[in-house]
């Protein structure tokens, strides 16, 4: 297998955590992408969506989307599953995942403009709308995390990835994340301290 990845993407991070959790590193060739925004990046030859992560299976077929790739690798692994298989537990974990993932989906158009366009050309009203949505979503995320404590599953992995990414880039995003959500930062720090697979994949 081979995986197009980035060290900064929280979408990629959940895949790398899943890979390390199941000790699949020797089975996957890691192909770094310097910038997913670069139209000339070679990952575009394999991935028509132009996004990371993208995983090529041994049969040659590609998987796109971090949740799908993570579940595929989880099914390949032999350690404790990160995806509850059925019932309320499964839906609660996936709901947590999609809430955290949705925050990053909201953030992508903002960070693209911040990194690639002059401030005078930003769609500032849209930025503000997305920031407000994210702040409401982070408040819900904090509430929903209470039932999981420091359990490791695909939902909490995704939540750690988003929290760490936002906290690291709070100045660029114009939001004092640590001030607004100190409990989320504290929880993420606890998760990173408890699980080496999270610490090893922290954003750079």
Protein backbone atom coordinates (compact mmCIF):
# COMPACT_ATOMS: atom_id res chain seq x y z
CA UNK A 1 0.00 0.00 0.00
CA UNK A 2 1.01 3.61 -0.39
CA UNK A 3 -0.34 6.73 1.27
CA UNK A 4 -0.14 10.35 0.13
CA UNK A 5 0.06 12.35 3.34
CA UNK A 6 0.92 15.68 4.94
CA UNK A 7 2.36 16.30 8.41
CA UNK A 8 0.05 19.28 8.97
CA UNK A 9 -3.35 17.87 8.00
CA UNK A 10 -5.69 16.71 10.79
CA UNK A 11 -7.45 14.56 8.18
CA UNK A 12 -4.17 12.74 7.54
CA UNK A 13 -3.42 12.57 11.24
CA UNK A 14 -6.38 10.29 11.99
CA UNK A 15 -5.12 7.90 9.30
CA UNK A 16 -1.56 7.95 10.64
CA UNK A 17 -2.83 7.34 14.19
CA UNK A 18 -4.88 4.38 12.95
CA UNK A 19 -1.87 3.03 11.07
CA UNK A 20 0.38 3.31 14.13
CA UNK A 21 -2.27 1.95 16.49
CA UNK A 22 -2.40 -1.22 14.43
CA UNK A 23 1.36 -1.27 13.75
CA UNK A 24 0.89 -1.23 9.97
CA UNK A 25 3.84 1.07 9.21
CA UNK A 26 5.82 -1.66 7.44
CA UNK A 27 2.91 -2.29 5.09
CA UNK A 28 2.46 1.29 3.87
CA UNK A 29 4.83 3.49 1.85
CA UNK A 30 4.41 7.10 2.95
CA UNK A 31 4.53 9.71 0.17
CA UNK A 32 4.74 13.28 1.48
CA UNK A 33 2.84 16.18 -0.08
CA UNK A 34 4.48 19.55 0.49
CA UNK A 35 1.32 21.50 -0.32
CA UNK A 36 -2.08 20.14 -1.24
CA UNK A 37 -2.81 23.55 -2.80
CA UNK A 38 0.00 23.10 -5.36
CA UNK A 39 -1.58 22.06 -8.69
CA UNK A 40 1.77 20.60 -9.82
CA UNK A 41 2.16 18.30 -6.82
CA UNK A 42 2.60 14.70 -8.05
CA UNK A 43 -0.15 13.43 -5.75
CA UNK A 44 -2.62 14.89 -8.25
CA UNK A 45 -1.59 12.23 -10.76
CA UNK A 46 -2.95 9.54 -8.43
CA UNK A 47 -5.80 11.47 -6.86
CA UNK A 48 -8.29 13.32 -9.09
CA UNK A 49 -9.72 15.05 -6.01
CA UNK A 50 -6.31 16.56 -5.27
CA UNK A 51 -6.77 16.02 -1.54
CA UNK A 52 -4.89 14.13 1.15
CA UNK A 53 -4.95 11.52 2.48
CA UNK A 54 -5.27 9.08 -0.40
CA UNK A 55 -4.43 5.38 0.02
CA UNK A 56 -3.61 2.90 -2.73
CA UNK A 57 -4.51 -0.66 -1.80
CA UNK A 58 -2.31 -3.60 -2.77
CA UNK A 59 -4.77 -4.43 -5.56
CA UNK A 60 -4.01 -1.03 -7.10
CA UNK A 61 -7.35 0.62 -6.36
CA UNK A 62 -7.48 3.91 -4.44
CA UNK A 63 -9.38 4.94 -1.35
CA UNK A 64 -10.18 8.63 -0.85
CA UNK A 65 -11.37 10.30 2.35
CA UNK A 66 -9.83 10.03 5.79
CA UNK A 67 -12.73 8.24 7.50
CA UNK A 68 -12.92 5.54 4.83
CA UNK A 69 -9.15 5.03 4.84
CA UNK A 70 -9.03 4.88 8.64
CA UNK A 71 -11.81 2.27 8.77
CA UNK A 72 -10.12 0.23 6.04
CA UNK A 73 -6.86 0.19 8.03
CA UNK A 74 -8.75 -0.53 11.24
CA UNK A 75 -10.18 -3.63 9.59
CA UNK A 76 -6.67 -4.65 8.52
CA UNK A 77 -5.31 -4.34 12.06
CA UNK A 78 -5.34 -6.80 14.92
CA UNK A 79 -5.34 -4.43 17.90
CA UNK A 80 -8.45 -3.05 19.59
CA UNK A 81 -10.81 -1.55 17.03
CA UNK A 82 -11.21 2.22 16.84
CA UNK A 83 -14.69 1.81 15.29
CA UNK A 84 -17.46 0.34 17.46
CA UNK A 85 -19.24 -2.17 15.27
CA UNK A 86 -22.86 -1.62 16.13
CA UNK A 87 -25.53 0.04 18.20
CA UNK A 88 -25.48 3.30 20.13
CA UNK A 89 -21.73 3.18 20.70
CA UNK A 90 -21.03 3.20 16.95
CA UNK A 91 -23.37 6.09 16.19
CA UNK A 92 -22.10 8.19 19.10
CA UNK A 93 -18.48 7.74 18.02
CA UNK A 94 -19.27 8.53 14.39
CA UNK A 95 -21.35 11.56 15.41
CA UNK A 96 -18.41 12.85 17.43
CA UNK A 97 -16.11 12.25 14.48
CA UNK A 98 -18.35 14.08 12.05
CA UNK A 99 -18.78 17.06 14.35
CA UNK A 100 -15.00 17.46 14.68
CA UNK A 101 -14.48 16.76 10.98
CA UNK A 102 -17.13 19.32 10.09
CA UNK A 103 -15.22 22.00 11.97
CA UNK A 104 -12.21 21.37 9.76
CA UNK A 105 -14.38 21.33 6.64
CA UNK A 106 -15.68 24.76 7.68
CA UNK A 107 -12.13 25.97 8.25
CA UNK A 108 -10.58 24.87 4.94
CA UNK A 109 -11.90 27.76 2.80
CA UNK A 110 -10.80 30.23 5.47
CA UNK A 111 -7.26 28.95 5.81
CA UNK A 112 -6.86 28.73 2.03
CA UNK A 113 -7.64 32.42 1.69
CA UNK A 114 -5.49 33.36 4.69
CA UNK A 115 -2.48 31.49 3.31
CA UNK A 116 -2.85 32.22 -0.39
CA UNK A 117 -4.66 35.53 -0.90
CA UNK A 118 -4.03 39.14 0.18
CA UNK A 119 -6.23 40.19 3.11
CA UNK A 120 -7.98 42.77 0.93
CA UNK A 121 -9.33 39.91 -1.21
CA UNK A 122 -10.71 37.77 1.64
CA UNK A 123 -14.44 37.11 1.83
CA UNK A 124 -14.57 38.55 5.34
CA UNK A 125 -18.31 38.13 5.92
CA UNK A 126 -18.02 34.45 5.07
CA UNK A 127 -14.99 34.14 7.36
CA UNK A 128 -16.97 35.57 10.26
CA UNK A 129 -19.89 33.26 9.58
CA UNK A 130 -17.62 30.23 9.56
CA UNK A 131 -15.81 31.33 12.72
CA UNK A 132 -19.14 31.67 14.51
CA UNK A 133 -20.22 28.23 13.33
CA UNK A 134 -16.95 26.74 14.51
CA UNK A 135 -17.18 28.37 17.93
CA UNK A 136 -20.68 26.93 18.40
CA UNK A 137 -19.44 23.56 17.19
CA UNK A 138 -16.46 23.55 19.55
CA UNK A 139 -18.84 24.24 22.45
CA UNK A 140 -20.92 21.20 21.41
CA UNK A 141 -17.74 19.16 20.95
CA UNK A 142 -16.73 19.91 24.55
CA UNK A 143 -20.13 18.71 25.78
CA UNK A 144 -20.10 15.55 23.67
CA UNK A 145 -16.59 14.54 24.71
CA UNK A 146 -17.71 14.13 28.32
CA UNK A 147 -19.06 10.61 27.72
CA UNK A 148 -15.76 9.39 26.24
CA UNK A 149 -13.31 10.64 28.90
CA UNK A 150 -9.87 9.63 27.52
CA UNK A 151 -11.07 6.68 25.42
CA UNK A 152 -9.25 6.21 22.11
CA UNK A 153 -11.61 5.84 19.16
CA UNK A 154 -11.97 7.41 15.73
CA UNK A 155 -14.11 10.19 17.18
CA UNK A 156 -11.70 11.22 19.91
CA UNK A 157 -8.75 10.89 17.50
CA UNK A 158 -10.46 13.29 15.12
CA UNK A 159 -11.28 15.67 17.97
CA UNK A 160 -7.66 15.76 19.16
CA UNK A 161 -6.52 16.46 15.61
CA UNK A 162 -8.86 19.40 15.16
CA UNK A 163 -8.18 20.88 18.60
CA UNK A 164 -4.41 20.68 18.20
CA UNK A 165 -4.56 22.13 14.68
CA UNK A 166 -6.70 25.08 15.75
CA UNK A 167 -4.66 25.76 18.87
CA UNK A 168 -1.44 25.77 16.86
CA UNK A 169 -2.86 28.17 14.27
CA UNK A 170 -4.99 30.40 16.46
CA UNK A 171 -3.04 33.55 15.52
CA UNK A 172 -3.58 33.00 11.80
CA UNK A 173 -7.25 32.26 12.38
CA UNK A 174 -7.70 35.29 14.63
CA UNK A 175 -9.26 33.29 17.47
CA UNK A 176 -7.74 32.89 20.93
CA UNK A 177 -8.53 29.20 21.09
CA UNK A 178 -6.82 28.57 24.41
CA UNK A 179 -8.81 31.36 26.05
CA UNK A 180 -12.14 30.32 24.56
CA UNK A 181 -11.76 26.57 25.08
CA UNK A 182 -9.23 25.84 27.84
CA UNK A 183 -10.98 22.57 28.72
CA UNK A 184 -10.58 21.29 25.18
CA UNK A 185 -6.89 22.16 25.18
CA UNK A 186 -6.45 20.45 28.57
CA UNK A 187 -8.28 17.34 27.36
CA UNK A 188 -6.22 17.17 24.17
CA UNK A 189 -3.00 17.52 26.17
CA UNK A 190 -4.13 14.59 28.33
CA UNK A 191 -4.85 12.48 25.26
CA UNK A 192 -1.46 13.28 23.71
CA UNK A 193 0.25 12.38 26.98
CA UNK A 194 -1.65 9.12 27.36
CA UNK A 195 -1.32 7.78 23.80
CA UNK A 196 2.09 7.76 22.06
CA UNK A 197 0.38 7.37 18.67
CA UNK A 198 -1.16 10.82 19.19
CA UNK A 199 2.05 12.43 20.43
CA UNK A 200 4.01 11.00 17.49
CA UNK A 201 1.61 12.50 14.95
CA UNK A 202 1.17 15.97 16.48
CA UNK A 203 0.96 18.73 13.85
CA UNK A 204 4.12 20.57 12.86
